[in-house]
Amino acid sequence: SLDYVLSRRLLIITIVFTSGSIALCFITAI
């Protein structure tokens, strides 16, 4: 994301994916 300019759509997908991955990681651990 620092090296390349991401489109708004790709940026939203990236944010949702990364945030969901972290939350799912925590829930899986629980």
All heavy atoms as atom14 arrays in JSON, in Angstrom:
{
  "sequence": "SLDYVLSRRLLIITIVFTSGSIALCFITAI",
  "atom14_mask": [
    [1, 1, 1, 1, 1, 1, 0, 0, 0, 0, 0, 0, 0, 0],
    [1, 1, 1, 1, 1, 1, 1, 1, 0, 0, 0, 0, 0, 0],
    [1, 1, 1, 1, 1, 1, 1, 1, 0, 0, 0, 0, 0, 0],
    [1, 1, 1, 1, 1, 1, 1, 1, 1, 1, 1, 1, 0, 0],
    [1, 1, 1, 1, 1, 1, 1, 0, 0, 0, 0, 0, 0, 0],
    [1, 1, 1, 1, 1, 1, 1, 1, 0, 0, 0, 0, 0, 0],
    [1, 1, 1, 1, 1, 1, 0, 0, 0, 0, 0, 0, 0, 0],
    [1, 1, 1, 1, 1, 1, 1, 1, 1, 1, 1, 0, 0, 0],
    [1, 1, 1, 1, 1, 1, 1, 1, 1, 1, 1, 0, 0, 0],
    [1, 1, 1, 1, 1, 1, 1, 1, 0, 0, 0, 0, 0, 0],
    [1, 1, 1, 1, 1, 1, 1, 1, 0, 0, 0, 0, 0, 0],
    [1, 1, 1, 1, 1, 1, 1, 1, 0, 0, 0, 0, 0, 0],
    [1, 1, 1, 1, 1, 1, 1, 1, 0, 0, 0, 0, 0, 0],
    [1, 1, 1, 1, 1, 1, 1, 0, 0, 0, 0, 0, 0, 0],
    [1, 1, 1, 1, 1, 1, 1, 1, 0, 0, 0, 0, 0, 0],
    [1, 1, 1, 1, 1, 1, 1, 0, 0, 0, 0, 0, 0, 0],
    [1, 1, 1, 1, 1, 1, 1, 1, 1, 1, 1, 0, 0, 0],
    [1, 1, 1, 1, 1, 1, 1, 0, 0, 0, 0, 0, 0, 0],
    [1, 1, 1, 1, 1, 1, 0, 0, 0, 0, 0, 0, 0, 0],
    [1, 1, 1, 1, 0, 0, 0, 0, 0, 0, 0, 0, 0, 0],
    [1, 1, 1, 1, 1, 1, 0, 0, 0, 0, 0, 0, 0, 0],
    [1, 1, 1, 1, 1, 1, 1, 1, 0, 0, 0, 0, 0, 0],
    [1, 1, 1, 1, 1, 0, 0, 0, 0, 0, 0, 0, 0, 0],
    [1, 1, 1, 1, 1, 1, 1, 1, 0, 0, 0, 0, 0, 0],
    [1, 1, 1, 1, 1, 1, 0, 0, 0, 0, 0, 0, 0, 0],
    [1, 1, 1, 1, 1, 1, 1, 1, 1, 1, 1, 0, 0, 0],
    [1, 1, 1, 1, 1, 1, 1, 1, 0, 0, 0, 0, 0, 0],
    [1, 1, 1, 1, 1, 1, 1, 0, 0, 0, 0, 0, 0, 0],
    [1, 1, 1, 1, 1, 0, 0, 0, 0, 0, 0, 0, 0, 0],
    [1, 1, 1, 1, 1, 1, 1, 1, 0, 0, 0, 0, 0, 0]
  ],
  "atom14_positions": [
    [[0.82, -1.22, 0.0], [0.0, 0.0, 0.0], [0.85, 1.26, 0.0], [0.4, 2.32, -0.44], [-0.93, -0.01, 1.21], [-0.19, 0.16, 2.41], [0.0, 0.0, 0.0], [0.0, 0.0, 0.0], [0.0, 0.0, 0.0], [0.0, 0.0, 0.0], [0.0, 0.0, 0.0], [0.0, 0.0, 0.0], [0.0, 0.0, 0.0], [0.0, 0.0, 0.0]],
    [[2.08, 1.17, 0.5], [2.98, 2.33, 0.5], [3.66, 2.52, -0.86], [3.94, 3.65, -1.27], [4.05, 2.16, 1.59], [3.56, 2.19, 3.05], [4.73, 1.92, 3.98], [2.9, 3.51, 3.4], [0.0, 0.0, 0.0], [0.0, 0.0, 0.0], [0.0, 0.0, 0.0], [0.0, 0.0, 0.0], [0.0, 0.0, 0.0], [0.0, 0.0, 0.0]],
    [[3.9, 1.42, -1.53], [4.61, 1.5, -2.8], [3.7, 1.76, -3.99], [4.13, 2.31, -5.02], [5.39, 0.21, -3.05], [6.54, 0.04, -2.06], [6.94, 1.05, -1.46], [7.02, -1.1, -1.89], [0.0, 0.0, 0.0], [0.0, 0.0, 0.0], [0.0, 0.0, 0.0], [0.0, 0.0, 0.0], [0.0, 0.0, 0.0], [0.0, 0.0, 0.0]],
    [[2.42, 1.37, -3.84], [1.5, 1.5, -4.97], [0.23, 2.23, -4.53], [-0.22, 2.09, -3.39], [1.12, 0.13, -5.53], [2.32, -0.66, -6.01], [2.93, -1.58, -5.17], [2.84, -0.47, -7.29], [4.04, -2.32, -5.6], [3.94, -1.19, -7.73], [4.53, -2.11, -6.87], [5.63, -2.83, -7.28], [0.0, 0.0, 0.0], [0.0, 0.0, 0.0]],
    [[-0.35, 2.98, -5.43], [-1.61, 3.68, -5.16], [-2.75, 2.7, -5.44], [-2.96, 2.29, -6.59], [-1.75, 4.93, -6.05], [-3.08, 5.6, -5.76], [-0.6, 5.88, -5.81], [0.0, 0.0, 0.0], [0.0, 0.0, 0.0], [0.0, 0.0, 0.0], [0.0, 0.0, 0.0], [0.0, 0.0, 0.0], [0.0, 0.0, 0.0], [0.0, 0.0, 0.0]],
    [[-3.47, 2.33, -4.4], [-4.55, 1.37, -4.54], [-5.86, 2.08, -4.84], [-6.11, 3.19, -4.36], [-4.7, 0.56, -3.25], [-3.46, -0.22, -2.78], [-3.75, -0.92, -1.46], [-3.02, -1.22, -3.83], [0.0, 0.0, 0.0], [0.0, 0.0, 0.0], [0.0, 0.0, 0.0], [0.0, 0.0, 0.0], [0.0, 0.0, 0.0], [0.0, 0.0, 0.0]],
    [[-6.7, 1.44, -5.65], [-8.02, 2.01, -5.94], [-8.87, 1.97, -4.67], [-8.59, 1.22, -3.74], [-8.7, 1.2, -7.04], [-8.98, -0.11, -6.61], [0.0, 0.0, 0.0], [0.0, 0.0, 0.0], [0.0, 0.0, 0.0], [0.0, 0.0, 0.0], [0.0, 0.0, 0.0], [0.0, 0.0, 0.0], [0.0, 0.0, 0.0], [0.0, 0.0, 0.0]],
    [[-9.92, 2.79, -4.65], [-10.78, 2.87, -3.47], [-11.43, 1.51, -3.18], [-11.51, 1.09, -2.03], [-11.87, 3.93, -3.7], [-12.81, 4.11, -2.51], [-13.85, 5.19, -2.78], [-14.73, 5.36, -1.66], [-14.48, 6.1, -0.6], [-13.32, 6.74, -0.52], [-15.34, 6.21, 0.37], [0.0, 0.0, 0.0], [0.0, 0.0, 0.0], [0.0, 0.0, 0.0]],
    [[-11.87, 0.83, -4.25], [-12.5, -0.47, -4.08], [-11.53, -1.49, -3.51], [-11.86, -2.24, -2.58], [-13.04, -0.95, -5.43], [-13.77, -2.29, -5.36], [-14.31, -2.67, -6.71], [-15.01, -3.94, -6.66], [-15.55, -4.55, -7.73], [-15.46, -3.96, -8.93], [-16.17, -5.7, -7.6], [0.0, 0.0, 0.0], [0.0, 0.0, 0.0], [0.0, 0.0, 0.0]],
    [[-10.33, -1.53, -4.09], [-9.31, -2.46, -3.6], [-8.9, -2.12, -2.17], [-8.64, -3.01, -1.36], [-8.09, -2.42, -4.52], [-6.96, -3.42, -4.2], [-7.49, -4.84, -4.21], [-5.8, -3.25, -5.16], [0.0, 0.0, 0.0], [0.0, 0.0, 0.0], [0.0, 0.0, 0.0], [0.0, 0.0, 0.0], [0.0, 0.0, 0.0], [0.0, 0.0, 0.0]],
    [[-8.88, -0.83, -1.87], [-8.53, -0.39, -0.52], [-9.57, -0.88, 0.49], [-9.22, -1.37, 1.57], [-8.43, 1.13, -0.48], [-8.02, 1.76, 0.87], [-6.64, 1.27, 1.27], [-8.05, 3.28, 0.79], [0.0, 0.0, 0.0], [0.0, 0.0, 0.0], [0.0, 0.0, 0.0], [0.0, 0.0, 0.0], [0.0, 0.0, 0.0], [0.0, 0.0, 0.0]],
    [[-10.83, -0.76, 0.15], [-11.91, -1.21, 1.03], [-11.83, -2.73, 1.23], [-11.97, -3.24, 2.35], [-13.29, -0.81, 0.47], [-13.45, 0.72, 0.49], [-14.41, -1.47, 1.27], [-14.7, 1.21, -0.17], [0.0, 0.0, 0.0], [0.0, 0.0, 0.0], [0.0, 0.0, 0.0], [0.0, 0.0, 0.0], [0.0, 0.0, 0.0], [0.0, 0.0, 0.0]],
    [[-11.61, -3.46, 0.13], [-11.48, -4.92, 0.22], [-10.31, -5.3, 1.13], [-10.4, -6.21, 1.95], [-11.3, -5.53, -1.19], [-12.58, -5.35, -2.01], [-10.94, -7.02, -1.09], [-12.45, -5.8, -3.46], [0.0, 0.0, 0.0], [0.0, 0.0, 0.0], [0.0, 0.0, 0.0], [0.0, 0.0, 0.0], [0.0, 0.0, 0.0], [0.0, 0.0, 0.0]],
    [[-9.21, -4.59, 0.96], [-8.02, -4.85, 1.77], [-8.3, -4.62, 3.25], [-7.93, -5.43, 4.12], [-6.86, -3.96, 1.32], [-6.58, -4.22, -0.05], [-5.62, -4.24, 2.15], [0.0, 0.0, 0.0], [0.0, 0.0, 0.0], [0.0, 0.0, 0.0], [0.0, 0.0, 0.0], [0.0, 0.0, 0.0], [0.0, 0.0, 0.0], [0.0, 0.0, 0.0]],
    [[-8.98, -3.5, 3.55], [-9.3, -3.17, 4.94], [-10.22, -4.21, 5.56], [-10.0, -4.7, 6.68], [-9.94, -1.77, 5.02], [-8.91, -0.7, 4.66], [-10.51, -1.52, 6.42], [-9.48, 0.69, 4.55], [0.0, 0.0, 0.0], [0.0, 0.0, 0.0], [0.0, 0.0, 0.0], [0.0, 0.0, 0.0], [0.0, 0.0, 0.0], [0.0, 0.0, 0.0]],
    [[-11.27, -4.58, 4.82], [-12.23, -5.57, 5.33], [-11.54, -6.92, 5.53], [-11.73, -7.6, 6.55], [-13.42, -5.71, 4.37], [-14.31, -6.88, 4.79], [-14.23, -4.43, 4.33], [0.0, 0.0, 0.0], [0.0, 0.0, 0.0], [0.0, 0.0, 0.0], [0.0, 0.0, 0.0], [0.0, 0.0, 0.0], [0.0, 0.0, 0.0], [0.0, 0.0, 0.0]],
    [[-10.73, -7.33, 4.55], [-10.05, -8.62, 4.63], [-9.08, -8.69, 5.81], [-9.09, -9.66, 6.58], [-9.3, -8.89, 3.32], [-8.45, -10.13, 3.37], [-9.03, -11.39, 3.26], [-7.08, -10.03, 3.53], [-8.24, -12.53, 3.31], [-6.29, -11.17, 3.59], [-6.88, -12.42, 3.47], [0.0, 0.0, 0.0], [0.0, 0.0, 0.0], [0.0, 0.0, 0.0]],
    [[-8.26, -7.67, 5.95], [-7.28, -7.68, 7.03], [-7.93, -7.59, 8.4], [-7.54, -8.3, 9.33], [-6.28, -6.53, 6.85], [-7.0, -5.29, 6.71], [-5.42, -6.73, 5.63], [0.0, 0.0, 0.0], [0.0, 0.0, 0.0], [0.0, 0.0, 0.0], [0.0, 0.0, 0.0], [0.0, 0.0, 0.0], [0.0, 0.0, 0.0], [0.0, 0.0, 0.0]],
    [[-8.93, -6.73, 8.51], [-9.63, -6.6, 9.8], [-10.35, -7.88, 10.16], [-10.3, -8.34, 11.31], [-10.63, -5.44, 9.73], [-9.99, -4.23, 9.42], [0.0, 0.0, 0.0], [0.0, 0.0, 0.0], [0.0, 0.0, 0.0], [0.0, 0.0, 0.0], [0.0, 0.0, 0.0], [0.0, 0.0, 0.0], [0.0, 0.0, 0.0], [0.0, 0.0, 0.0]],
    [[-11.02, -8.49, 9.17], [-11.73, -9.74, 9.42], [-10.78, -10.87, 9.78], [-11.09, -11.72, 10.61], [0.0, 0.0, 0.0], [0.0, 0.0, 0.0], [0.0, 0.0, 0.0], [0.0, 0.0, 0.0], [0.0, 0.0, 0.0], [0.0, 0.0, 0.0], [0.0, 0.0, 0.0], [0.0, 0.0, 0.0], [0.0, 0.0, 0.0], [0.0, 0.0, 0.0]],
    [[-9.59, -10.88, 9.15], [-8.6, -11.92, 9.43], [-8.14, -11.86, 10.88], [-8.01, -12.89, 11.55], [-7.41, -11.79, 8.48], [-7.79, -12.0, 7.15], [0.0, 0.0, 0.0], [0.0, 0.0, 0.0], [0.0, 0.0, 0.0], [0.0, 0.0, 0.0], [0.0, 0.0, 0.0], [0.0, 0.0, 0.0], [0.0, 0.0, 0.0], [0.0, 0.0, 0.0]],
    [[-7.89, -10.65, 11.34], [-7.44, -10.48, 12.74], [-8.54, -10.9, 13.7], [-8.3, -11.65, 14.67], [-7.02, -9.03, 13.0], [-5.76, -8.7, 12.21], [-6.78, -8.8, 14.49], [-4.55, -9.51, 12.6], [0.0, 0.0, 0.0], [0.0, 0.0, 0.0], [0.0, 0.0, 0.0], [0.0, 0.0, 0.0], [0.0, 0.0, 0.0], [0.0, 0.0, 0.0]],
    [[-9.77, -10.41, 13.48], [-10.87, -10.76, 14.37], [-11.11, -12.27, 14.37], [-11.31, -12.88, 15.43], [-12.14, -10.02, 13.95], [0.0, 0.0, 0.0], [0.0, 0.0, 0.0], [0.0, 0.0, 0.0], [0.0, 0.0, 0.0], [0.0, 0.0, 0.0], [0.0, 0.0, 0.0], [0.0, 0.0, 0.0], [0.0, 0.0, 0.0], [0.0, 0.0, 0.0]],
    [[-11.08, -12.89, 13.17], [-11.27, -14.33, 13.08], [-10.15, -15.09, 13.78], [-10.38, -16.13, 14.41], [-11.33, -14.75, 11.6], [-11.57, -16.25, 11.33], [-12.91, -16.68, 11.92], [-11.52, -16.54, 9.84], [0.0, 0.0, 0.0], [0.0, 0.0, 0.0], [0.0, 0.0, 0.0], [0.0, 0.0, 0.0], [0.0, 0.0, 0.0], [0.0, 0.0, 0.0]],
    [[-8.95, -14.55, 13.7], [-7.8, -15.16, 14.38], [-8.02, -15.19, 15.89], [-7.79, -16.21, 16.54], [-6.54, -14.36, 14.04], [-5.05, -14.97, 14.82], [0.0, 0.0, 0.0], [0.0, 0.0, 0.0], [0.0, 0.0, 0.0], [0.0, 0.0, 0.0], [0.0, 0.0, 0.0], [0.0, 0.0, 0.0], [0.0, 0.0, 0.0], [0.0, 0.0, 0.0]],
    [[-8.52, -14.09, 16.44], [-8.76, -14.01, 17.88], [-9.9, -14.95, 18.3], [-9.8, -15.66, 19.3], [-9.11, -12.58, 18.28], [-7.97, -11.6, 18.1], [-8.15, -10.25, 18.31], [-6.71, -12.03, 17.69], [-7.11, -9.34, 18.15], [-5.66, -11.14, 17.51], [-5.87, -9.8, 17.74], [0.0, 0.0, 0.0], [0.0, 0.0, 0.0], [0.0, 0.0, 0.0]],
    [[-10.97, -14.95, 17.49], [-12.13, -15.79, 17.82], [-11.75, -17.27, 17.74], [-12.17, -18.08, 18.57], [-13.31, -15.46, 16.88], [-13.82, -14.04, 17.16], [-14.44, -16.47, 17.06], [-14.82, -13.54, 16.14], [0.0, 0.0, 0.0], [0.0, 0.0, 0.0], [0.0, 0.0, 0.0], [0.0, 0.0, 0.0], [0.0, 0.0, 0.0], [0.0, 0.0, 0.0]],
    [[-10.95, -17.62, 16.76], [-10.48, -19.01, 16.62], [-9.67, -19.43, 17.84], [-9.79, -20.55, 18.34], [-9.64, -19.17, 15.35], [-10.41, -18.81, 14.21], [-9.15, -20.61, 15.2], [0.0, 0.0, 0.0], [0.0, 0.0, 0.0], [0.0, 0.0, 0.0], [0.0, 0.0, 0.0], [0.0, 0.0, 0.0], [0.0, 0.0, 0.0], [0.0, 0.0, 0.0]],
    [[-8.83, -18.53, 18.31], [-8.01, -18.83, 19.49], [-8.89, -19.05, 20.72], [-8.63, -19.96, 21.52], [-7.03, -17.69, 19.75], [0.0, 0.0, 0.0], [0.0, 0.0, 0.0], [0.0, 0.0, 0.0], [0.0, 0.0, 0.0], [0.0, 0.0, 0.0], [0.0, 0.0, 0.0], [0.0, 0.0, 0.0], [0.0, 0.0, 0.0], [0.0, 0.0, 0.0]],
    [[-9.94, -18.23, 20.86], [-10.86, -18.39, 21.99], [-11.58, -19.73, 21.91], [-11.75, -20.44, 22.91], [-11.87, -17.23, 22.02], [-11.14, -15.91, 22.37], [-12.98, -17.49, 23.02], [-12.01, -14.67, 22.24], [0.0, 0.0, 0.0], [0.0, 0.0, 0.0], [0.0, 0.0, 0.0], [0.0, 0.0, 0.0], [0.0, 0.0, 0.0], [0.0, 0.0, 0.0]]
  ]
}
